[in-house]
Amino acid sequence: MSTNSIYQFNVQKISGQDINLADYKNKVLLVVNTASECSFTPQLKDLVALKNEFSEQDFEILSFPSNDFGGQEPLEGDAIATFCENYGANFPIFDKIIVRGPYANPLYKFFADKKQNGKLSSVPRWNFHKFLINREGEVTDFYYPFTNPTSSKIKKKINKLLAVAH
């Protein structure tokens, strides 16, 4: 397994279940830090639409709630899950984490350090910052919050990564 891969990380689902990101091997992933009280929160519906569009393919969205920006994720645990269900969330939601700074979750420290991930250095500037991951678990791109998940820019890149045989 490549050290440039997210498969080296363990995370916790909002339900408390420990998950090794290697469980998502051979899938194209969009990793997003989310919040329930953000002006970008309506993107949850767009994430659902994106997931539905690629539902027959090896694609998954991973949602990581975060309260790092303006206190916009005051909810905890089941309340976050219920909130996301109200938007029809059909993708895994993980425990609320820190996505920037010295106490950032190891996955997000990996995204921020080109020496670790071998590709880029990107720290979320706000909620709904998106990272695109290829089938090998390598970060390939990132998108700022103002880039809608259903934008042609993101969908073209997903299609390109899905076309690569595994």
C-alpha atoms as a PDB file:
ATOM      1  CA  MET A   1       0.000   0.000   0.000  1.00  0.00           C
ATOM      2  CA  SER A   2       1.340   3.389  -1.000  1.00  0.00           C
ATOM      3  CA  THR A   3       2.232   5.833   1.758  1.00  0.00           C
ATOM      4  CA  ASN A   4       0.673   8.452  -0.547  1.00  0.00           C
ATOM      5  CA  SER A   5      -2.691   6.765  -0.003  1.00  0.00           C
ATOM      6  CA  ILE A   6      -5.554   7.627   2.336  1.00  0.00           C
ATOM      7  CA  TYR A   7      -5.886   3.874   2.949  1.00  0.00           C
ATOM      8  CA  GLN A   8      -3.440   4.189   5.842  1.00  0.00           C
ATOM      9  CA  PHE A   9      -6.010   6.090   7.933  1.00  0.00           C
ATOM     10  CA  ASN A  10      -8.706   4.942  10.310  1.00  0.00           C
ATOM     11  CA  VAL A  11     -11.725   7.146  10.901  1.00  0.00           C
ATOM     12  CA  GLN A  12     -14.892   6.844  12.919  1.00  0.00           C
ATOM     13  CA  LYS A  13     -18.404   6.903  11.535  1.00  0.00           C
ATOM     14  CA  ILE A  14     -20.930   9.122  13.272  1.00  0.00           C
ATOM     15  CA  SER A  15     -22.403   5.865  14.664  1.00  0.00           C
ATOM     16  CA  GLY A  16     -19.109   5.191  16.465  1.00  0.00           C
ATOM     17  CA  GLN A  17     -17.987   2.403  14.125  1.00  0.00           C
ATOM     18  CA  ASP A  18     -14.260   2.421  13.331  1.00  0.00           C
ATOM     19  CA  ILE A  19     -13.521   2.322   9.604  1.00  0.00           C
ATOM     20  CA  ASN A  20     -10.252   1.823   7.800  1.00  0.00           C
ATOM     21  CA  LEU A  21     -10.302   3.927   4.634  1.00  0.00           C
ATOM     22  CA  ALA A  22      -8.847   0.887   2.834  1.00  0.00           C
ATOM     23  CA  ASP A  23     -12.474  -0.326   2.904  1.00  0.00           C
ATOM     24  CA  TYR A  24     -12.960   2.103  -0.003  1.00  0.00           C
ATOM     25  CA  LYS A  25     -10.190   0.606  -2.154  1.00  0.00           C
ATOM     26  CA  ASN A  26     -10.874   0.746  -5.890  1.00  0.00           C
ATOM     27  CA  LYS A  27     -13.488   3.470  -5.473  1.00  0.00           C
ATOM     28  CA  VAL A  28     -13.252   7.069  -6.584  1.00  0.00           C
ATOM     29  CA  LEU A  29     -13.984   9.264  -3.561  1.00  0.00           C
ATOM     30  CA  LEU A  30     -15.042  12.822  -2.914  1.00  0.00           C
ATOM     31  CA  VAL A  31     -14.109  13.791   0.661  1.00  0.00           C
ATOM     32  CA  VAL A  32     -15.968  16.848   1.985  1.00  0.00           C
ATOM     33  CA  ASN A  33     -15.919  18.730   5.293  1.00  0.00           C
ATOM     34  CA  THR A  34     -19.519  19.670   6.019  1.00  0.00           C
ATOM     35  CA  ALA A  35     -21.490  21.831   8.468  1.00  0.00           C
ATOM     36  CA  SER A  36     -25.193  22.180   9.205  1.00  0.00           C
ATOM     37  CA  GLU A  37     -25.393  25.976   9.592  1.00  0.00           C
ATOM     38  CA  CYS A  38     -23.279  27.174   6.658  1.00  0.00           C
ATOM     39  CA  SER A  39     -24.364  29.137   3.615  1.00  0.00           C
ATOM     40  CA  PHE A  40     -22.985  26.181   1.602  1.00  0.00           C
ATOM     41  CA  THR A  41     -25.121  23.607   3.506  1.00  0.00           C
ATOM     42  CA  PRO A  42     -27.581  23.343   0.565  1.00  0.00           C
ATOM     43  CA  GLN A  43     -24.691  21.558  -1.212  1.00  0.00           C
ATOM     44  CA  LEU A  44     -25.753  18.495   0.805  1.00  0.00           C
ATOM     45  CA  LYS A  45     -28.590  18.126  -1.747  1.00  0.00           C
ATOM     46  CA  ASP A  46     -26.060  18.461  -4.556  1.00  0.00           C
ATOM     47  CA  LEU A  47     -23.845  15.811  -2.959  1.00  0.00           C
ATOM     48  CA  VAL A  48     -26.879  13.499  -2.889  1.00  0.00           C
ATOM     49  CA  ALA A  49     -27.531  14.248  -6.577  1.00  0.00           C
ATOM     50  CA  LEU A  50     -23.878  13.561  -7.429  1.00  0.00           C
ATOM     51  CA  LYS A  51     -23.931  10.277  -5.516  1.00  0.00           C
ATOM     52  CA  ASN A  52     -27.143   9.295  -7.333  1.00  0.00           C
ATOM     53  CA  GLU A  53     -25.652  10.164 -10.715  1.00  0.00           C
ATOM     54  CA  PHE A  54     -22.737   7.797 -10.133  1.00  0.00           C
ATOM     55  CA  SER A  55     -24.654   5.213  -8.080  1.00  0.00           C
ATOM     56  CA  GLU A  56     -24.005   2.405 -10.562  1.00  0.00           C
ATOM     57  CA  GLN A  57     -20.263   3.018 -10.500  1.00  0.00           C
ATOM     58  CA  ASP A  58     -17.452   2.709  -7.976  1.00  0.00           C
ATOM     59  CA  PHE A  59     -17.947   6.170  -6.498  1.00  0.00           C
ATOM     60  CA  GLU A  60     -18.515   7.303  -2.923  1.00  0.00           C
ATOM     61  CA  ILE A  61     -18.770  10.554  -1.005  1.00  0.00           C
ATOM     62  CA  LEU A  62     -17.303  10.746   2.496  1.00  0.00           C
ATOM     63  CA  SER A  63     -18.663  13.512   4.724  1.00  0.00           C
ATOM     64  CA  PHE A  64     -16.633  14.828   7.663  1.00  0.00           C
ATOM     65  CA  PRO A  65     -18.582  17.362   9.749  1.00  0.00           C
ATOM     66  CA  SER A  66     -16.401  20.123  11.193  1.00  0.00           C
ATOM     67  CA  ASN A  67     -16.953  23.094  13.466  1.00  0.00           C
ATOM     68  CA  ASP A  68     -13.736  24.857  12.406  1.00  0.00           C
ATOM     69  CA  PHE A  69     -15.359  27.764  10.599  1.00  0.00           C
ATOM     70  CA  GLY A  70     -17.607  30.233  12.378  1.00  0.00           C
ATOM     71  CA  GLY A  71     -19.055  27.625  14.747  1.00  0.00           C
ATOM     72  CA  GLN A  72     -21.263  26.443  11.904  1.00  0.00           C
ATOM     73  CA  GLU A  73     -21.507  22.837  13.109  1.00  0.00           C
ATOM     74  CA  PRO A  74     -22.934  23.066  16.633  1.00  0.00           C
ATOM     75  CA  LEU A  75     -24.595  19.649  16.374  1.00  0.00           C
ATOM     76  CA  GLU A  76     -23.084  16.415  17.702  1.00  0.00           C
ATOM     77  CA  GLY A  77     -23.428  12.718  16.895  1.00  0.00           C
ATOM     78  CA  ASP A  78     -26.952  11.546  16.097  1.00  0.00           C
ATOM     79  CA  ALA A  79     -28.160  15.132  15.653  1.00  0.00           C
ATOM     80  CA  ILE A  80     -25.704  15.544  12.755  1.00  0.00           C
ATOM     81  CA  ALA A  81     -26.856  12.252  11.220  1.00  0.00           C
ATOM     82  CA  THR A  82     -30.516  13.260  11.519  1.00  0.00           C
ATOM     83  CA  PHE A  83     -29.821  16.675  10.002  1.00  0.00           C
ATOM     84  CA  CYS A  84     -28.047  15.090   7.016  1.00  0.00           C
ATOM     85  CA  GLU A  85     -30.860  12.547   6.584  1.00  0.00           C
ATOM     86  CA  ASN A  86     -33.254  15.496   6.198  1.00  0.00           C
ATOM     87  CA  TYR A  87     -31.259  16.340   3.065  1.00  0.00           C
ATOM     88  CA  GLY A  88     -31.488  12.726   1.898  1.00  0.00           C
ATOM     89  CA  ALA A  89     -27.819  11.964   2.617  1.00  0.00           C
ATOM     90  CA  ASN A  90     -27.020   8.631   0.972  1.00  0.00           C
ATOM     91  CA  PHE A  91     -23.305   8.582   1.790  1.00  0.00           C
ATOM     92  CA  PRO A  92     -21.242   7.844   4.910  1.00  0.00           C
ATOM     93  CA  ILE A  93     -21.071  10.545   7.558  1.00  0.00           C
ATOM     94  CA  PHE A  94     -18.148  10.429   9.923  1.00  0.00           C
ATOM     95  CA  ASP A  95     -17.496  11.848  13.375  1.00  0.00           C
ATOM     96  CA  LYS A  96     -17.074  15.588  13.692  1.00  0.00           C
ATOM     97  CA  ILE A  97     -13.375  16.401  13.294  1.00  0.00           C
ATOM     98  CA  ILE A  98     -10.942  19.288  13.148  1.00  0.00           C
ATOM     99  CA  VAL A  99      -9.805  19.903   9.546  1.00  0.00           C
ATOM    100  CA  ARG A 100      -7.124  22.577   9.989  1.00  0.00           C
ATOM    101  CA  GLY A 101      -4.412  23.629  12.391  1.00  0.00           C
ATOM    102  CA  PRO A 102      -2.215  21.702  14.812  1.00  0.00           C
ATOM    103  CA  TYR A 103      -5.069  19.503  16.071  1.00  0.00           C
ATOM    104  CA  ALA A 104      -6.371  18.578  12.617  1.00  0.00           C
ATOM    105  CA  ASN A 105      -7.418  15.002  12.015  1.00  0.00           C
ATOM    106  CA  PRO A 106      -4.509  12.964  10.525  1.00  0.00           C
ATOM    107  CA  LEU A 107      -6.426  12.574   7.224  1.00  0.00           C
ATOM    108  CA  TYR A 108      -6.653  16.346   6.846  1.00  0.00           C
ATOM    109  CA  LYS A 109      -3.009  16.792   7.884  1.00  0.00           C
ATOM    110  CA  PHE A 110      -2.259  14.368   5.024  1.00  0.00           C
ATOM    111  CA  PHE A 111      -4.253  16.551   2.585  1.00  0.00           C
ATOM    112  CA  ALA A 112      -2.350  19.635   3.790  1.00  0.00           C
ATOM    113  CA  ASP A 113       1.130  18.148   3.302  1.00  0.00           C
ATOM    114  CA  LYS A 114       2.440  17.545  -0.217  1.00  0.00           C
ATOM    115  CA  LYS A 115       5.368  15.601   1.264  1.00  0.00           C
ATOM    116  CA  GLN A 116       2.863  13.116   2.709  1.00  0.00           C
ATOM    117  CA  ASN A 117       0.373  12.824  -0.143  1.00  0.00           C
ATOM    118  CA  GLY A 118       2.803  13.356  -3.029  1.00  0.00           C
ATOM    119  CA  LYS A 119       0.419  15.587  -4.992  1.00  0.00           C
ATOM    120  CA  LEU A 120      -0.774  18.808  -3.369  1.00  0.00           C
ATOM    121  CA  SER A 121      -1.054  20.913  -0.277  1.00  0.00           C
ATOM    122  CA  SER A 122      -4.550  22.087   0.512  1.00  0.00           C
ATOM    123  CA  VAL A 123      -6.067  23.164   3.813  1.00  0.00           C
ATOM    124  CA  PRO A 124      -9.807  23.865   3.871  1.00  0.00           C
ATOM    125  CA  ARG A 125     -10.528  27.581   4.005  1.00  0.00           C
ATOM    126  CA  TRP A 126     -14.193  26.984   4.847  1.00  0.00           C
ATOM    127  CA  ASN A 127     -16.863  24.297   4.991  1.00  0.00           C
ATOM    128  CA  PHE A 128     -17.551  22.159   1.906  1.00  0.00           C
ATOM    129  CA  HIS A 129     -13.930  22.031   0.714  1.00  0.00           C
ATOM    130  CA  LYS A 130     -13.699  18.931  -1.481  1.00  0.00           C
ATOM    131  CA  PHE A 131     -10.874  16.452  -2.145  1.00  0.00           C
ATOM    132  CA  LEU A 132     -11.020  14.021  -5.058  1.00  0.00           C
ATOM    133  CA  ILE A 133      -9.364  10.637  -4.491  1.00  0.00           C
ATOM    134  CA  ASN A 134      -8.527   8.075  -7.184  1.00  0.00           C
ATOM    135  CA  ARG A 135      -9.018   4.287  -7.023  1.00  0.00           C
ATOM    136  CA  GLU A 136      -5.580   3.868  -5.437  1.00  0.00           C
ATOM    137  CA  GLY A 137      -6.488   6.164  -2.555  1.00  0.00           C
ATOM    138  CA  GLU A 138      -4.329   9.009  -3.840  1.00  0.00           C
ATOM    139  CA  VAL A 139      -5.525  12.603  -3.672  1.00  0.00           C
ATOM    140  CA  THR A 140      -5.752  13.946  -7.213  1.00  0.00           C
ATOM    141  CA  ASP A 141      -7.428  17.333  -6.856  1.00  0.00           C
ATOM    142  CA  PHE A 142      -9.313  19.671  -4.556  1.00  0.00           C
ATOM    143  CA  TYR A 143     -12.151  22.135  -4.993  1.00  0.00           C
ATOM    144  CA  TYR A 144     -13.005  25.206  -2.968  1.00  0.00           C
ATOM    145  CA  PRO A 145     -16.411  25.458  -1.269  1.00  0.00           C
ATOM    146  CA  PHE A 146     -17.856  27.690  -4.002  1.00  0.00           C
ATOM    147  CA  THR A 147     -17.377  24.864  -6.553  1.00  0.00           C
ATOM    148  CA  ASN A 148     -20.687  23.037  -6.593  1.00  0.00           C
ATOM    149  CA  PRO A 149     -20.391  19.232  -6.308  1.00  0.00           C
ATOM    150  CA  THR A 150     -22.486  18.828  -9.465  1.00  0.00           C
ATOM    151  CA  SER A 151     -20.319  21.173 -11.528  1.00  0.00           C
ATOM    152  CA  SER A 152     -19.086  19.845 -14.855  1.00  0.00           C
ATOM    153  CA  LYS A 153     -15.522  20.425 -13.619  1.00  0.00           C
ATOM    154  CA  ILE A 154     -15.953  17.864 -10.818  1.00  0.00           C
ATOM    155  CA  LYS A 155     -18.085  15.428 -12.825  1.00  0.00           C
ATOM    156  CA  LYS A 156     -15.602  15.327 -15.722  1.00  0.00           C
ATOM    157  CA  LYS A 157     -12.762  14.531 -13.333  1.00  0.00           C
ATOM    158  CA  ILE A 158     -14.826  11.806 -11.603  1.00  0.00           C
ATOM    159  CA  ASN A 159     -15.658  10.251 -14.982  1.00  0.00           C
ATOM    160  CA  LYS A 160     -11.995  10.336 -15.964  1.00  0.00           C
ATOM    161  CA  LEU A 161     -10.953   8.597 -12.729  1.00  0.00           C
ATOM    162  CA  LEU A 162     -13.758   6.032 -13.019  1.00  0.00           C
ATOM    163  CA  ALA A 163     -12.610   5.198 -16.564  1.00  0.00           C
ATOM    164  CA  VAL A 164      -9.230   4.033 -15.223  1.00  0.00           C
ATOM    165  CA  ALA A 165      -9.359   0.264 -14.846  1.00  0.00           C
ATOM    166  CA  HIS A 166      -8.694  -1.239 -11.441  1.00  0.00           C
END
